[in-house]
């Protein structure tokens, strides 16, 4: 296959596009005052923001926005590698080759003689291989800076990969009920001054952790579920604000019973 034919293939176009991005990055780094000034540290908070924007687009299932946000994150990855190459630490080729080697090593059922026919077996092999790479704990790969809900999911997934898990979802639901009953019996009181808030916080954390565990057993992503509820609440609340304003009312001046009328209208849309 000659070069012209290869360039017309999907892989050829992909490599051309990636090479174009590298060229653009080189030029921006050389000529743009803003891009020249950036460091790995200065890009960090921007990368976090872009990641959340991608997450929002995925939840909305907006494919055009997903494409845009993937591009923004791709730019950041190339940017980090460009800065590192200037410091003679590594370049984008080192990044990609290192990634390929890691993927090959962690998929011996594809590139070696290990057998893994189920998703669960693959996960267990993955965690064992990570320990061989030098990780001192199965949980060592969970970033400390993750949001608490996402971190709980990752902790539970990794513990399951090591074989530490409930046998079935009925046991997990019993744990949820146990935690809920304990919380209700001890902290469901009208006199908030009687509540030991530190203890209540710890017990409430146990309750949430058990609910996340149950969600995992029935293949619900709790972070995604909560974010969808957030978006649904925002939509309904803003509907209440808009519709009550059309009637010359303000939410601040209305009773809960009056607001419920608009809320129920929002739910029926």
C-alpha atoms as a PDB file:
ATOM      1  CA  UNK A   1       0.000   0.000   0.000  1.00  0.00           C
ATOM      2  CA  UNK A   2       1.543   3.344  -1.038  1.00  0.00           C
ATOM      3  CA  UNK A   3       1.495   6.463   1.121  1.00  0.00           C
ATOM      4  CA  UNK A   4      -1.387   8.040  -0.751  1.00  0.00           C
ATOM      5  CA  UNK A   5      -3.583   4.989  -0.249  1.00  0.00           C
ATOM      6  CA  UNK A   6      -2.692   4.750   3.425  1.00  0.00           C
ATOM      7  CA  UNK A   7      -3.575   8.411   3.996  1.00  0.00           C
ATOM      8  CA  UNK A   8      -7.051   7.708   2.629  1.00  0.00           C
ATOM      9  CA  UNK A   9      -7.691   4.974   5.181  1.00  0.00           C
ATOM     10  CA  UNK A  10      -9.323   5.737   8.570  1.00  0.00           C
ATOM     11  CA  UNK A  11      -6.023   5.021  10.365  1.00  0.00           C
ATOM     12  CA  UNK A  12      -4.127   7.214   7.943  1.00  0.00           C
ATOM     13  CA  UNK A  13      -6.515  10.132   8.503  1.00  0.00           C
ATOM     14  CA  UNK A  14      -6.288   9.641  12.265  1.00  0.00           C
ATOM     15  CA  UNK A  15      -2.487   9.757  12.216  1.00  0.00           C
ATOM     16  CA  UNK A  16      -2.563  12.822   9.967  1.00  0.00           C
ATOM     17  CA  UNK A  17      -4.915  14.579  12.376  1.00  0.00           C
ATOM     18  CA  UNK A  18      -2.762  13.701  15.393  1.00  0.00           C
ATOM     19  CA  UNK A  19       0.358  14.893  13.602  1.00  0.00           C
ATOM     20  CA  UNK A  20      -1.460  18.130  12.751  1.00  0.00           C
ATOM     21  CA  UNK A  21      -2.303  18.625  16.433  1.00  0.00           C
ATOM     22  CA  UNK A  22       1.360  18.162  17.359  1.00  0.00           C
ATOM     23  CA  UNK A  23       2.344  20.757  14.731  1.00  0.00           C
ATOM     24  CA  UNK A  24      -0.245  23.224  16.035  1.00  0.00           C
ATOM     25  CA  UNK A  25       0.946  22.649  19.609  1.00  0.00           C
ATOM     26  CA  UNK A  26       4.555  23.326  18.597  1.00  0.00           C
ATOM     27  CA  UNK A  27       3.557  26.556  16.863  1.00  0.00           C
ATOM     28  CA  UNK A  28       1.376  27.803  19.724  1.00  0.00           C
ATOM     29  CA  UNK A  29       4.072  27.056  22.257  1.00  0.00           C
ATOM     30  CA  UNK A  30       6.550  29.052  20.202  1.00  0.00           C
ATOM     31  CA  UNK A  31       4.425  32.033  19.159  1.00  0.00           C
ATOM     32  CA  UNK A  32       1.400  32.512  21.468  1.00  0.00           C
ATOM     33  CA  UNK A  33       2.072  34.589  24.629  1.00  0.00           C
ATOM     34  CA  UNK A  34      -0.507  32.659  26.667  1.00  0.00           C
ATOM     35  CA  UNK A  35       0.609  29.200  25.542  1.00  0.00           C
ATOM     36  CA  UNK A  36       4.291  30.079  26.049  1.00  0.00           C
ATOM     37  CA  UNK A  37       3.547  31.027  29.667  1.00  0.00           C
ATOM     38  CA  UNK A  38       1.765  27.824  30.692  1.00  0.00           C
ATOM     39  CA  UNK A  39       3.293  25.232  33.007  1.00  0.00           C
ATOM     40  CA  UNK A  40       2.197  21.786  34.126  1.00  0.00           C
ATOM     41  CA  UNK A  41       0.976  23.379  37.364  1.00  0.00           C
ATOM     42  CA  UNK A  42      -0.966  26.180  35.656  1.00  0.00           C
ATOM     43  CA  UNK A  43      -2.791  23.724  33.378  1.00  0.00           C
ATOM     44  CA  UNK A  44      -3.892  21.433  36.205  1.00  0.00           C
ATOM     45  CA  UNK A  45      -7.075  23.235  37.284  1.00  0.00           C
ATOM     46  CA  UNK A  46      -8.040  23.797  33.642  1.00  0.00           C
ATOM     47  CA  UNK A  47      -7.732  20.059  32.957  1.00  0.00           C
ATOM     48  CA  UNK A  48      -9.990  19.286  35.916  1.00  0.00           C
ATOM     49  CA  UNK A  49     -12.561  21.746  34.560  1.00  0.00           C
ATOM     50  CA  UNK A  50     -12.408  20.207  31.082  1.00  0.00           C
ATOM     51  CA  UNK A  51     -12.879  16.731  32.560  1.00  0.00           C
ATOM     52  CA  UNK A  52     -16.060  17.807  34.339  1.00  0.00           C
ATOM     53  CA  UNK A  53     -17.319  19.426  31.132  1.00  0.00           C
ATOM     54  CA  UNK A  54     -16.797  16.110  29.321  1.00  0.00           C
ATOM     55  CA  UNK A  55     -18.647  14.344  32.123  1.00  0.00           C
ATOM     56  CA  UNK A  56     -21.588  16.758  31.743  1.00  0.00           C
ATOM     57  CA  UNK A  57     -21.711  16.176  27.989  1.00  0.00           C
ATOM     58  CA  UNK A  58     -21.703  12.399  28.486  1.00  0.00           C
ATOM     59  CA  UNK A  59     -24.594  12.584  30.948  1.00  0.00           C
ATOM     60  CA  UNK A  60     -26.551  14.716  28.460  1.00  0.00           C
ATOM     61  CA  UNK A  61     -25.596  12.258  25.675  1.00  0.00           C
ATOM     62  CA  UNK A  62     -24.662  15.257  23.516  1.00  0.00           C
ATOM     63  CA  UNK A  63     -22.316  13.645  20.984  1.00  0.00           C
ATOM     64  CA  UNK A  64     -21.233  16.927  19.385  1.00  0.00           C
ATOM     65  CA  UNK A  65     -20.319  18.338  22.782  1.00  0.00           C
ATOM     66  CA  UNK A  66     -18.563  15.068  23.709  1.00  0.00           C
ATOM     67  CA  UNK A  67     -16.447  15.427  20.551  1.00  0.00           C
ATOM     68  CA  UNK A  68     -15.562  19.002  21.505  1.00  0.00           C
ATOM     69  CA  UNK A  69     -14.639  18.134  25.094  1.00  0.00           C
ATOM     70  CA  UNK A  70     -12.541  15.121  24.052  1.00  0.00           C
ATOM     71  CA  UNK A  71     -10.626  17.535  21.831  1.00  0.00           C
ATOM     72  CA  UNK A  72     -10.070  19.940  24.717  1.00  0.00           C
ATOM     73  CA  UNK A  73      -8.732  17.154  26.935  1.00  0.00           C
ATOM     74  CA  UNK A  74      -6.579  15.803  24.086  1.00  0.00           C
ATOM     75  CA  UNK A  75      -5.052  19.265  23.745  1.00  0.00           C
ATOM     76  CA  UNK A  76      -4.169  19.251  27.433  1.00  0.00           C
ATOM     77  CA  UNK A  77      -2.510  15.828  27.204  1.00  0.00           C
ATOM     78  CA  UNK A  78      -0.386  16.970  24.255  1.00  0.00           C
ATOM     79  CA  UNK A  79       0.360  20.224  26.105  1.00  0.00           C
ATOM     80  CA  UNK A  80       1.684  18.385  29.177  1.00  0.00           C
ATOM     81  CA  UNK A  81       3.870  16.167  26.998  1.00  0.00           C
ATOM     82  CA  UNK A  82       5.188  19.203  25.079  1.00  0.00           C
ATOM     83  CA  UNK A  83       6.202  20.945  28.313  1.00  0.00           C
ATOM     84  CA  UNK A  84       7.836  17.740  29.591  1.00  0.00           C
ATOM     85  CA  UNK A  85       9.789  17.371  26.343  1.00  0.00           C
ATOM     86  CA  UNK A  86      11.128  20.907  26.766  1.00  0.00           C
ATOM     87  CA  UNK A  87      12.346  19.868  30.208  1.00  0.00           C
ATOM     88  CA  UNK A  88      13.851  16.703  28.652  1.00  0.00           C
ATOM     89  CA  UNK A  89      11.714  14.546  30.962  1.00  0.00           C
ATOM     90  CA  UNK A  90       9.677  12.693  28.305  1.00  0.00           C
ATOM     91  CA  UNK A  91       7.759  13.361  25.096  1.00  0.00           C
ATOM     92  CA  UNK A  92       4.448  12.238  23.627  1.00  0.00           C
ATOM     93  CA  UNK A  93       6.057   9.132  22.075  1.00  0.00           C
ATOM     94  CA  UNK A  94       7.308   8.064  25.514  1.00  0.00           C
ATOM     95  CA  UNK A  95       3.797   8.578  26.910  1.00  0.00           C
ATOM     96  CA  UNK A  96       2.097   6.496  24.224  1.00  0.00           C
ATOM     97  CA  UNK A  97       4.688   3.718  24.187  1.00  0.00           C
ATOM     98  CA  UNK A  98       4.575   3.471  27.977  1.00  0.00           C
ATOM     99  CA  UNK A  99       0.800   3.238  27.822  1.00  0.00           C
ATOM    100  CA  UNK A 100       0.928   0.493  25.189  1.00  0.00           C
ATOM    101  CA  UNK A 101       3.430  -1.526  27.228  1.00  0.00           C
ATOM    102  CA  UNK A 102       1.228  -1.223  30.316  1.00  0.00           C
ATOM    103  CA  UNK A 103      -1.886  -2.314  28.435  1.00  0.00           C
ATOM    104  CA  UNK A 104      -0.094  -5.302  26.922  1.00  0.00           C
ATOM    105  CA  UNK A 105       1.293  -6.320  30.331  1.00  0.00           C
ATOM    106  CA  UNK A 106      -2.087  -5.997  32.023  1.00  0.00           C
ATOM    107  CA  UNK A 107      -3.916  -8.014  29.346  1.00  0.00           C
ATOM    108  CA  UNK A 108      -2.093 -11.367  29.436  1.00  0.00           C
ATOM    109  CA  UNK A 109      -5.354 -13.043  28.366  1.00  0.00           C
ATOM    110  CA  UNK A 110      -4.911 -11.218  25.035  1.00  0.00           C
ATOM    111  CA  UNK A 111      -1.132 -10.989  24.682  1.00  0.00           C
ATOM    112  CA  UNK A 112      -0.066 -13.967  26.797  1.00  0.00           C
ATOM    113  CA  UNK A 113      -1.188 -17.419  27.894  1.00  0.00           C
ATOM    114  CA  UNK A 114      -3.510 -16.426  30.764  1.00  0.00           C
ATOM    115  CA  UNK A 115      -7.181 -17.363  30.486  1.00  0.00           C
ATOM    116  CA  UNK A 116      -9.884 -14.870  31.420  1.00  0.00           C
ATOM    117  CA  UNK A 117     -13.337 -15.383  29.966  1.00  0.00           C
ATOM    118  CA  UNK A 118     -15.367 -13.018  32.173  1.00  0.00           C
ATOM    119  CA  UNK A 119     -15.160  -9.339  33.047  1.00  0.00           C
ATOM    120  CA  UNK A 120     -14.670 -10.270  36.702  1.00  0.00           C
ATOM    121  CA  UNK A 121     -11.664 -12.473  35.922  1.00  0.00           C
ATOM    122  CA  UNK A 122     -10.122  -9.641  33.895  1.00  0.00           C
ATOM    123  CA  UNK A 123     -10.529  -7.221  36.821  1.00  0.00           C
ATOM    124  CA  UNK A 124      -8.984  -9.666  39.276  1.00  0.00           C
ATOM    125  CA  UNK A 125      -6.012 -10.270  36.959  1.00  0.00           C
ATOM    126  CA  UNK A 126      -5.640  -6.505  36.553  1.00  0.00           C
ATOM    127  CA  UNK A 127      -5.379  -5.905  40.302  1.00  0.00           C
ATOM    128  CA  UNK A 128      -2.897  -8.765  40.791  1.00  0.00           C
ATOM    129  CA  UNK A 129      -0.696  -7.393  38.018  1.00  0.00           C
ATOM    130  CA  UNK A 130      -0.770  -3.908  39.530  1.00  0.00           C
ATOM    131  CA  UNK A 131       0.541  -5.354  42.786  1.00  0.00           C
ATOM    132  CA  UNK A 132       3.364  -7.013  40.831  1.00  0.00           C
ATOM    133  CA  UNK A 133       4.212  -3.584  39.410  1.00  0.00           C
ATOM    134  CA  UNK A 134       5.004  -2.366  42.902  1.00  0.00           C
ATOM    135  CA  UNK A 135       1.713  -1.122  44.320  1.00  0.00           C
ATOM    136  CA  UNK A 136       1.717  -1.910  48.022  1.00  0.00           C
ATOM    137  CA  UNK A 137      -2.075  -2.023  48.299  1.00  0.00           C
ATOM    138  CA  UNK A 138      -4.969  -2.829  46.007  1.00  0.00           C
ATOM    139  CA  UNK A 139      -6.432   0.512  47.120  1.00  0.00           C
ATOM    140  CA  UNK A 140      -3.200   2.384  46.486  1.00  0.00           C
ATOM    141  CA  UNK A 141      -4.287   3.363  42.990  1.00  0.00           C
ATOM    142  CA  UNK A 142      -7.342   5.293  44.193  1.00  0.00           C
ATOM    143  CA  UNK A 143      -6.444   9.007  43.937  1.00  0.00           C
ATOM    144  CA  UNK A 144      -6.831  10.787  47.274  1.00  0.00           C
ATOM    145  CA  UNK A 145      -8.210  13.886  45.522  1.00  0.00           C
ATOM    146  CA  UNK A 146     -11.208  12.100  43.960  1.00  0.00           C
ATOM    147  CA  UNK A 147     -14.657  13.380  45.027  1.00  0.00           C
ATOM    148  CA  UNK A 148     -15.862  11.248  47.937  1.00  0.00           C
ATOM    149  CA  UNK A 149     -18.722   9.561  46.065  1.00  0.00           C
ATOM    150  CA  UNK A 150     -16.537   8.574  43.111  1.00  0.00           C
ATOM    151  CA  UNK A 151     -13.790   7.482  45.507  1.00  0.00           C
ATOM    152  CA  UNK A 152     -16.228   5.176  47.334  1.00  0.00           C
ATOM    153  CA  UNK A 153     -17.141   3.543  44.022  1.00  0.00           C
ATOM    154  CA  UNK A 154     -13.497   2.967  43.108  1.00  0.00           C
ATOM    155  CA  UNK A 155     -12.644   1.608  46.571  1.00  0.00           C
ATOM    156  CA  UNK A 156     -15.472  -0.911  46.367  1.00  0.00           C
ATOM    157  CA  UNK A 157     -14.585  -1.944  42.812  1.00  0.00           C
ATOM    158  CA  UNK A 158     -10.948  -2.507  43.725  1.00  0.00           C
ATOM    159  CA  UNK A 159     -11.843  -4.443  46.886  1.00  0.00           C
ATOM    160  CA  UNK A 160     -14.083  -6.664  44.751  1.00  0.00           C
ATOM    161  CA  UNK A 161     -11.179  -7.214  42.365  1.00  0.00           C
ATOM    162  CA  UNK A 162      -9.228  -8.628  45.323  1.00  0.00           C
ATOM    163  CA  UNK A 163     -12.121 -10.943  46.219  1.00  0.00           C
ATOM    164  CA  UNK A 164     -13.396  -8.886  49.184  1.00  0.00           C
ATOM    165  CA  UNK A 165     -17.099  -8.471  48.531  1.00  0.00           C
ATOM    166  CA  UNK A 166     -20.598  -9.658  49.392  1.00  0.00           C
ATOM    167  CA  UNK A 167     -21.921 -12.777  47.690  1.00  0.00           C
ATOM    168  CA  UNK A 168     -25.190 -11.284  46.438  1.00  0.00           C
ATOM    169  CA  UNK A 169     -27.244  -8.104  46.538  1.00  0.00           C
ATOM    170  CA  UNK A 170     -29.653  -9.323  49.254  1.00  0.00           C
ATOM    171  CA  UNK A 171     -26.803  -9.211  51.757  1.00  0.00           C
ATOM    172  CA  UNK A 172     -25.915  -5.693  50.638  1.00  0.00           C
ATOM    173  CA  UNK A 173     -29.525  -4.525  50.957  1.00  0.00           C
ATOM    174  CA  UNK A 174     -29.688  -5.977  54.470  1.00  0.00           C
ATOM    175  CA  UNK A 175     -26.628  -3.858  55.281  1.00  0.00           C
ATOM    176  CA  UNK A 176     -28.364  -0.769  53.870  1.00  0.00           C
ATOM    177  CA  UNK A 177     -31.433  -1.456  56.029  1.00  0.00           C
ATOM    178  CA  UNK A 178     -29.238  -2.031  59.068  1.00  0.00           C
ATOM    179  CA  UNK A 179     -27.386   1.264  58.578  1.00  0.00           C
ATOM    180  CA  UNK A 180     -30.638   3.141  57.890  1.00  0.00           C
ATOM    181  CA  UNK A 181     -32.362   1.747  60.983  1.00  0.00           C
ATOM    182  CA  UNK A 182     -29.375   2.605  63.155  1.00  0.00           C
ATOM    183  CA  UNK A 183     -29.261   6.136  61.811  1.00  0.00           C
ATOM    184  CA  UNK A 184     -32.997   6.682  62.209  1.00  0.00           C
ATOM    185  CA  UNK A 185     -33.212   5.312  65.746  1.00  0.00           C
ATOM    186  CA  UNK A 186     -30.312   7.404  66.997  1.00  0.00           C
ATOM    187  CA  UNK A 187     -30.557  10.674  65.066  1.00  0.00           C
ATOM    188  CA  UNK A 188     -34.202  11.105  64.016  1.00  0.00           C
ATOM    189  CA  UNK A 189     -35.080  13.581  66.736  1.00  0.00           C
ATOM    190  CA  UNK A 190     -36.699  17.009  66.712  1.00  0.00           C
ATOM    191  CA  UNK A 191     -34.138  18.328  69.184  1.00  0.00           C
ATOM    192  CA  UNK A 192     -31.020  18.779  67.076  1.00  0.00           C
ATOM    193  CA  UNK A 193     -29.105  19.880  70.167  1.00  0.00           C
ATOM    194  CA  UNK A 194     -29.248  16.276  71.376  1.00  0.00           C
ATOM    195  CA  UNK A 195     -27.444  14.981  68.276  1.00  0.00           C
ATOM    196  CA  UNK A 196     -23.765  14.124  68.432  1.00  0.00           C
ATOM    197  CA  UNK A 197     -22.940  15.630  65.041  1.00  0.00           C
ATOM    198  CA  UNK A 198     -19.566  13.975  64.702  1.00  0.00           C
ATOM    199  CA  UNK A 199     -21.077  10.565  65.337  1.00  0.00           C
ATOM    200  CA  UNK A 200     -24.033  11.373  63.083  1.00  0.00           C
ATOM    201  CA  UNK A 201     -21.654  12.366  60.287  1.00  0.00           C
ATOM    202  CA  UNK A 202     -19.782   9.073  60.592  1.00  0.00           C
ATOM    203  CA  UNK A 203     -22.979   7.016  60.624  1.00  0.00           C
ATOM    204  CA  UNK A 204     -24.417   8.939  57.685  1.00  0.00           C
ATOM    205  CA  UNK A 205     -21.210   8.192  55.778  1.00  0.00           C
ATOM    206  CA  UNK A 206     -21.687   4.484  56.528  1.00  0.00           C
ATOM    207  CA  UNK A 207     -25.243   4.685  55.197  1.00  0.00           C
ATOM    208  CA  UNK A 208     -24.182   6.374  51.954  1.00  0.00           C
ATOM    209  CA  UNK A 209     -21.313   3.901  51.501  1.00  0.00           C
ATOM    210  CA  UNK A 210     -23.717   0.971  51.831  1.00  0.00           C
ATOM    211  CA  UNK A 211     -26.136   2.535  49.304  1.00  0.00           C
ATOM    212  CA  UNK A 212     -23.282   3.010  46.845  1.00  0.00           C
ATOM    213  CA  UNK A 213     -22.371  -0.628  47.372  1.00  0.00           C
ATOM    214  CA  UNK A 214     -25.910  -1.740  46.578  1.00  0.00           C
ATOM    215  CA  UNK A 215     -26.001   0.471  43.479  1.00  0.00           C
ATOM    216  CA  UNK A 216     -22.831  -1.242  42.268  1.00  0.00           C
ATOM    217  CA  UNK A 217     -24.479  -4.665  42.669  1.00  0.00           C
ATOM    218  CA  UNK A 218     -27.384  -3.682  40.418  1.00  0.00           C
ATOM    219  CA  UNK A 219     -25.181  -1.888  37.860  1.00  0.00           C
ATOM    220  CA  UNK A 220     -26.192   1.666  38.737  1.00  0.00           C
ATOM    221  CA  UNK A 221     -23.513   4.343  38.674  1.00  0.00           C
ATOM    222  CA  UNK A 222     -24.416   6.348  41.810  1.00  0.00           C
ATOM    223  CA  UNK A 223     -22.501   9.461  40.729  1.00  0.00           C
ATOM    224  CA  UNK A 224     -24.328   9.517  37.419  1.00  0.00           C
ATOM    225  CA  UNK A 225     -27.655   8.819  39.132  1.00  0.00           C
ATOM    226  CA  UNK A 226     -27.155  11.685  41.594  1.00  0.00           C
ATOM    227  CA  UNK A 227     -26.085  14.098  38.859  1.00  0.00           C
ATOM    228  CA  UNK A 228     -29.195  13.253  36.821  1.00  0.00           C
ATOM    229  CA  UNK A 229     -31.308  13.991  39.905  1.00  0.00           C
ATOM    230  CA  UNK A 230     -29.429  17.278  40.360  1.00  0.00           C
ATOM    231  CA  UNK A 231     -30.181  18.278  36.770  1.00  0.00           C
ATOM    232  CA  UNK A 232     -33.819  17.214  37.119  1.00  0.00           C
ATOM    233  CA  UNK A 233     -34.220  19.272  40.299  1.00  0.00           C
ATOM    234  CA  UNK A 234     -32.613  22.335  38.671  1.00  0.00           C
ATOM    235  CA  UNK A 235     -34.961  22.030  35.690  1.00  0.00           C
ATOM    236  CA  UNK A 236     -38.080  21.741  37.866  1.00  0.00           C
ATOM    237  CA  UNK A 237     -37.025  24.500  40.253  1.00  0.00           C
ATOM    238  CA  UNK A 238     -36.297  26.912  37.419  1.00  0.00           C
ATOM    239  CA  UNK A 239     -39.688  26.038  35.913  1.00  0.00           C
ATOM    240  CA  UNK A 240     -41.301  27.035  39.229  1.00  0.00           C
ATOM    241  CA  UNK A 241     -39.415  30.339  39.211  1.00  0.00           C
ATOM    242  CA  UNK A 242     -40.417  31.137  35.627  1.00  0.00           C
ATOM    243  CA  UNK A 243     -44.079  30.103  35.876  1.00  0.00           C
ATOM    244  CA  UNK A 244     -44.684  31.807  39.210  1.00  0.00           C
ATOM    245  CA  UNK A 245     -43.099  34.989  37.824  1.00  0.00           C
ATOM    246  CA  UNK A 246     -45.552  34.878  34.895  1.00  0.00           C
ATOM    247  CA  UNK A 247     -48.341  34.925  37.513  1.00  0.00           C
ATOM    248  CA  UNK A 248     -46.734  37.888  39.261  1.00  0.00           C
ATOM    249  CA  UNK A 249     -45.497  35.838  42.222  1.00  0.00           C
ATOM    250  CA  UNK A 250     -42.132  35.270  43.882  1.00  0.00           C
ATOM    251  CA  UNK A 251     -41.171  31.961  45.448  1.00  0.00           C
ATOM    252  CA  UNK A 252     -39.909  33.805  48.521  1.00  0.00           C
ATOM    253  CA  UNK A 253     -43.443  35.095  49.188  1.00  0.00           C
ATOM    254  CA  UNK A 254     -45.272  31.811  48.584  1.00  0.00           C
ATOM    255  CA  UNK A 255     -46.200  29.021  50.961  1.00  0.00           C
ATOM    256  CA  UNK A 256     -44.887  25.516  50.402  1.00  0.00           C
ATOM    257  CA  UNK A 257     -48.406  24.435  49.433  1.00  0.00           C
ATOM    258  CA  UNK A 258     -48.533  27.124  46.731  1.00  0.00           C
ATOM    259  CA  UNK A 259     -45.108  26.144  45.434  1.00  0.00           C
ATOM    260  CA  UNK A 260     -46.187  22.503  45.287  1.00  0.00           C
ATOM    261  CA  UNK A 261     -48.730  23.425  42.594  1.00  0.00           C
ATOM    262  CA  UNK A 262     -45.964  24.652  40.295  1.00  0.00           C
ATOM    263  CA  UNK A 263     -43.690  21.765  41.279  1.00  0.00           C
ATOM    264  CA  UNK A 264     -46.333  19.221  40.291  1.00  0.00           C
ATOM    265  CA  UNK A 265     -46.812  21.046  36.996  1.00  0.00           C
ATOM    266  CA  UNK A 266     -43.078  20.765  36.373  1.00  0.00           C
ATOM    267  CA  UNK A 267     -43.159  17.025  37.083  1.00  0.00           C
ATOM    268  CA  UNK A 268     -46.046  16.476  34.633  1.00  0.00           C
ATOM    269  CA  UNK A 269     -44.298  18.181  31.710  1.00  0.00           C
END
